[in-house]
């Protein structure tokens, strides 16, 4: 029974993954808004947000390493 549910979930996931991009890409711009690739669009800078994400990832990694070392030191004592 679990195998049938697992296969069903896999098939549904695969269908969603294959169909959803086509549906999302087929949206028509009828409002006169500039489309992707036209020169009228101001691009949003990603440098600030990307830098924050990298810094948060490094900080989280340092915290995990520190906690792991502290745990192993307490175990050995």
N, C-alpha and C. Protein backbone atom coordinates (compact mmCIF):
# COMPACT_ATOMS: atom_id res chain seq x y z
N UNK A 1 0.83 -1.20 0.00
CA UNK A 1 0.00 0.00 0.00
C UNK A 1 0.87 1.26 0.00
N UNK A 2 1.95 1.23 0.81
CA UNK A 2 2.83 2.40 0.86
C UNK A 2 3.51 2.64 -0.47
N UNK A 3 3.82 1.53 -1.18
CA UNK A 3 4.47 1.68 -2.48
C UNK A 3 3.56 2.37 -3.49
N UNK A 4 2.28 2.05 -3.45
CA UNK A 4 1.33 2.68 -4.37
C UNK A 4 1.20 4.17 -4.09
N UNK A 5 1.17 4.53 -2.82
CA UNK A 5 1.06 5.95 -2.45
C UNK A 5 2.33 6.69 -2.87
N UNK A 6 3.49 6.07 -2.67
CA UNK A 6 4.76 6.68 -3.05
C UNK A 6 4.82 6.89 -4.56
N UNK A 7 4.42 5.89 -5.32
CA UNK A 7 4.43 6.01 -6.78
C UNK A 7 3.45 7.09 -7.22
N UNK A 8 2.28 7.14 -6.59
CA UNK A 8 1.30 8.17 -6.93
C UNK A 8 1.85 9.57 -6.66
N UNK A 9 2.51 9.75 -5.51
CA UNK A 9 3.10 11.04 -5.19
C UNK A 9 4.19 11.41 -6.18
N UNK A 10 4.99 10.45 -6.58
CA UNK A 10 6.05 10.71 -7.57
C UNK A 10 5.47 11.13 -8.91
N UNK A 11 4.43 10.46 -9.33
CA UNK A 11 3.81 10.79 -10.62
C UNK A 11 3.19 12.18 -10.57
N UNK A 12 2.48 12.50 -9.49
CA UNK A 12 1.88 13.83 -9.35
C UNK A 12 2.96 14.90 -9.33
N UNK A 13 4.03 14.66 -8.59
CA UNK A 13 5.13 15.63 -8.53
C UNK A 13 5.75 15.83 -9.90
N UNK A 14 5.97 14.76 -10.63
CA UNK A 14 6.56 14.84 -11.96
C UNK A 14 5.66 15.62 -12.91
N UNK A 15 4.37 15.37 -12.85
CA UNK A 15 3.43 16.09 -13.71
C UNK A 15 3.44 17.58 -13.38
N UNK A 16 3.45 17.90 -12.10
CA UNK A 16 3.48 19.31 -11.69
C UNK A 16 4.76 19.98 -12.17
N UNK A 17 5.89 19.29 -12.00
CA UNK A 17 7.17 19.86 -12.41
C UNK A 17 7.23 20.06 -13.91
N UNK A 18 6.64 19.18 -14.68
CA UNK A 18 6.69 19.29 -16.14
C UNK A 18 5.65 20.26 -16.70
N UNK A 19 4.49 20.36 -16.09
CA UNK A 19 3.40 21.19 -16.62
C UNK A 19 3.48 22.63 -16.15
N UNK A 20 3.83 22.84 -14.89
CA UNK A 20 3.78 24.18 -14.30
C UNK A 20 4.64 25.21 -15.04
N UNK A 21 5.87 24.92 -15.44
CA UNK A 21 6.64 25.94 -16.16
C UNK A 21 5.98 26.37 -17.47
N UNK A 22 5.36 25.44 -18.17
CA UNK A 22 4.67 25.79 -19.41
C UNK A 22 3.48 26.68 -19.17
N UNK A 23 2.76 26.43 -18.11
CA UNK A 23 1.60 27.25 -17.77
C UNK A 23 2.04 28.65 -17.36
N UNK A 24 3.09 28.71 -16.57
CA UNK A 24 3.57 30.02 -16.11
C UNK A 24 4.18 30.84 -17.24
N UNK A 25 4.85 30.18 -18.18
CA UNK A 25 5.47 30.89 -19.29
C UNK A 25 4.45 31.34 -20.32
N UNK A 26 3.25 30.77 -20.30
CA UNK A 26 2.25 31.08 -21.31
C UNK A 26 1.39 32.29 -20.94
N UNK A 27 1.75 33.01 -19.89
CA UNK A 27 0.98 34.18 -19.51
C UNK A 27 1.18 35.29 -20.55
N UNK A 28 0.10 35.92 -20.94
CA UNK A 28 0.14 36.95 -21.98
C UNK A 28 0.11 38.32 -21.30
N UNK A 29 0.97 39.21 -21.77
CA UNK A 29 1.02 40.57 -21.24
C UNK A 29 0.09 41.45 -22.08
N UNK A 30 -1.10 41.65 -21.59
CA UNK A 30 -2.05 42.47 -22.34
C UNK A 30 -2.19 43.86 -21.76
N UNK A 31 -1.55 44.11 -20.61
CA UNK A 31 -1.73 45.40 -19.96
C UNK A 31 -0.79 46.47 -20.51
N UNK A 32 0.03 46.12 -21.47
CA UNK A 32 0.96 47.09 -22.02
C UNK A 32 2.22 47.20 -21.19
N UNK A 33 2.39 46.34 -20.21
CA UNK A 33 3.60 46.35 -19.39
C UNK A 33 4.76 45.85 -20.22
N UNK A 34 5.94 46.34 -19.93
CA UNK A 34 7.10 45.87 -20.69
C UNK A 34 7.37 44.39 -20.42
N UNK A 35 7.74 43.68 -21.47
CA UNK A 35 8.01 42.26 -21.33
C UNK A 35 9.48 42.04 -21.00
N UNK A 36 9.81 40.82 -20.61
CA UNK A 36 11.18 40.48 -20.28
C UNK A 36 12.08 40.65 -21.50
N UNK A 37 13.20 41.29 -21.31
CA UNK A 37 14.15 41.46 -22.40
C UNK A 37 14.03 42.80 -23.11
N UNK A 38 12.98 43.54 -22.86
CA UNK A 38 12.89 44.86 -23.49
C UNK A 38 13.75 45.84 -22.72
N UNK A 39 14.20 46.88 -23.35
CA UNK A 39 15.11 47.82 -22.72
C UNK A 39 14.45 48.79 -21.75
N UNK A 40 13.13 48.73 -21.57
CA UNK A 40 12.43 49.68 -20.72
C UNK A 40 12.37 49.29 -19.25
N UNK A 41 12.87 48.13 -18.90
CA UNK A 41 12.74 47.62 -17.54
C UNK A 41 14.00 47.94 -16.75
N UNK A 42 13.81 48.48 -15.54
CA UNK A 42 14.94 48.71 -14.65
C UNK A 42 15.18 47.43 -13.85
N UNK A 43 16.39 46.90 -13.94
CA UNK A 43 16.71 45.66 -13.23
C UNK A 43 16.95 45.95 -11.76
N UNK A 44 16.53 45.04 -10.91
CA UNK A 44 16.73 45.18 -9.47
C UNK A 44 18.12 44.66 -9.11
N UNK A 45 18.86 45.40 -8.30
CA UNK A 45 20.18 44.91 -7.90
C UNK A 45 20.05 43.75 -6.93
N UNK A 46 20.88 42.72 -7.12
CA UNK A 46 20.82 41.57 -6.22
C UNK A 46 22.04 41.52 -5.31
N UNK A 47 22.94 42.48 -5.43
CA UNK A 47 24.19 42.43 -4.69
C UNK A 47 23.95 42.52 -3.18
N UNK A 48 23.11 43.43 -2.72
CA UNK A 48 22.89 43.59 -1.29
C UNK A 48 22.26 42.38 -0.65
N UNK A 49 21.21 41.86 -1.25
CA UNK A 49 20.53 40.70 -0.71
C UNK A 49 21.39 39.45 -0.79
N UNK A 50 22.12 39.31 -1.88
CA UNK A 50 23.00 38.15 -2.03
C UNK A 50 24.11 38.17 -1.00
N UNK A 51 24.66 39.35 -0.73
CA UNK A 51 25.71 39.48 0.29
C UNK A 51 25.17 39.11 1.67
N UNK A 52 23.95 39.53 1.98
CA UNK A 52 23.36 39.18 3.26
C UNK A 52 23.12 37.68 3.39
N UNK A 53 22.68 37.05 2.32
CA UNK A 53 22.46 35.61 2.35
C UNK A 53 23.76 34.84 2.54
N UNK A 54 24.81 35.28 1.86
CA UNK A 54 26.11 34.62 2.02
C UNK A 54 26.62 34.80 3.44
N UNK A 55 26.51 36.02 3.98
CA UNK A 55 26.97 36.28 5.35
C UNK A 55 26.17 35.45 6.35
N UNK A 56 24.87 35.33 6.14
CA UNK A 56 24.05 34.52 7.04
C UNK A 56 24.44 33.04 6.95
N UNK A 57 24.73 32.56 5.76
CA UNK A 57 25.15 31.17 5.58
C UNK A 57 26.49 30.90 6.26
N UNK A 58 27.42 31.82 6.12
CA UNK A 58 28.72 31.66 6.78
C UNK A 58 28.55 31.68 8.30
N UNK A 59 27.75 32.60 8.79
CA UNK A 59 27.51 32.68 10.23
C UNK A 59 26.86 31.41 10.77
N UNK A 60 25.91 30.88 10.04
CA UNK A 60 25.23 29.65 10.46
C UNK A 60 26.21 28.47 10.44
N UNK A 61 27.06 28.41 9.43
CA UNK A 61 28.06 27.34 9.36
C UNK A 61 29.03 27.41 10.52
N UNK A 62 29.49 28.62 10.86
CA UNK A 62 30.41 28.80 11.98
C UNK A 62 29.73 28.37 13.28
N UNK A 63 28.47 28.73 13.44
CA UNK A 63 27.73 28.35 14.65
C UNK A 63 27.61 26.83 14.76
N UNK A 64 27.31 26.17 13.65
CA UNK A 64 27.17 24.71 13.66
C UNK A 64 28.49 24.04 14.02
N UNK A 65 29.59 24.53 13.45
CA UNK A 65 30.90 23.96 13.75
C UNK A 65 31.25 24.17 15.22
N UNK A 66 30.97 25.37 15.71
CA UNK A 66 31.26 25.69 17.11
C UNK A 66 30.44 24.79 18.05
N UNK A 67 29.16 24.61 17.76
CA UNK A 67 28.31 23.76 18.58
C UNK A 67 28.76 22.30 18.54
N UNK A 68 29.18 21.85 17.37
CA UNK A 68 29.63 20.47 17.23
C UNK A 68 30.91 20.24 18.03
N UNK A 69 31.84 21.18 17.97
CA UNK A 69 33.08 21.05 18.74
C UNK A 69 32.80 21.10 20.23
N UNK A 70 31.90 21.96 20.65
CA UNK A 70 31.55 22.07 22.07
C UNK A 70 30.90 20.77 22.55
N UNK A 71 30.05 20.19 21.73
CA UNK A 71 29.38 18.95 22.09
C UNK A 71 30.38 17.80 22.20
N UNK A 72 31.32 17.72 21.26
CA UNK A 72 32.31 16.64 21.30
C UNK A 72 33.27 16.83 22.47
N UNK A 73 33.58 18.08 22.85
CA UNK A 73 34.45 18.34 23.99
C UNK A 73 33.77 17.93 25.29
N UNK A 74 32.46 18.20 25.41
CA UNK A 74 31.72 17.83 26.60
C UNK A 74 31.55 16.32 26.70
N UNK A 75 31.44 15.64 25.56
CA UNK A 75 31.30 14.19 25.55
C UNK A 75 32.59 13.52 26.03
N UNK A 76 33.74 14.07 25.61
CA UNK A 76 35.04 13.48 25.97
C UNK A 76 35.41 13.74 27.42
N UNK A 77 34.85 14.77 28.01
CA UNK A 77 35.21 15.12 29.39
C UNK A 77 34.52 14.25 30.40
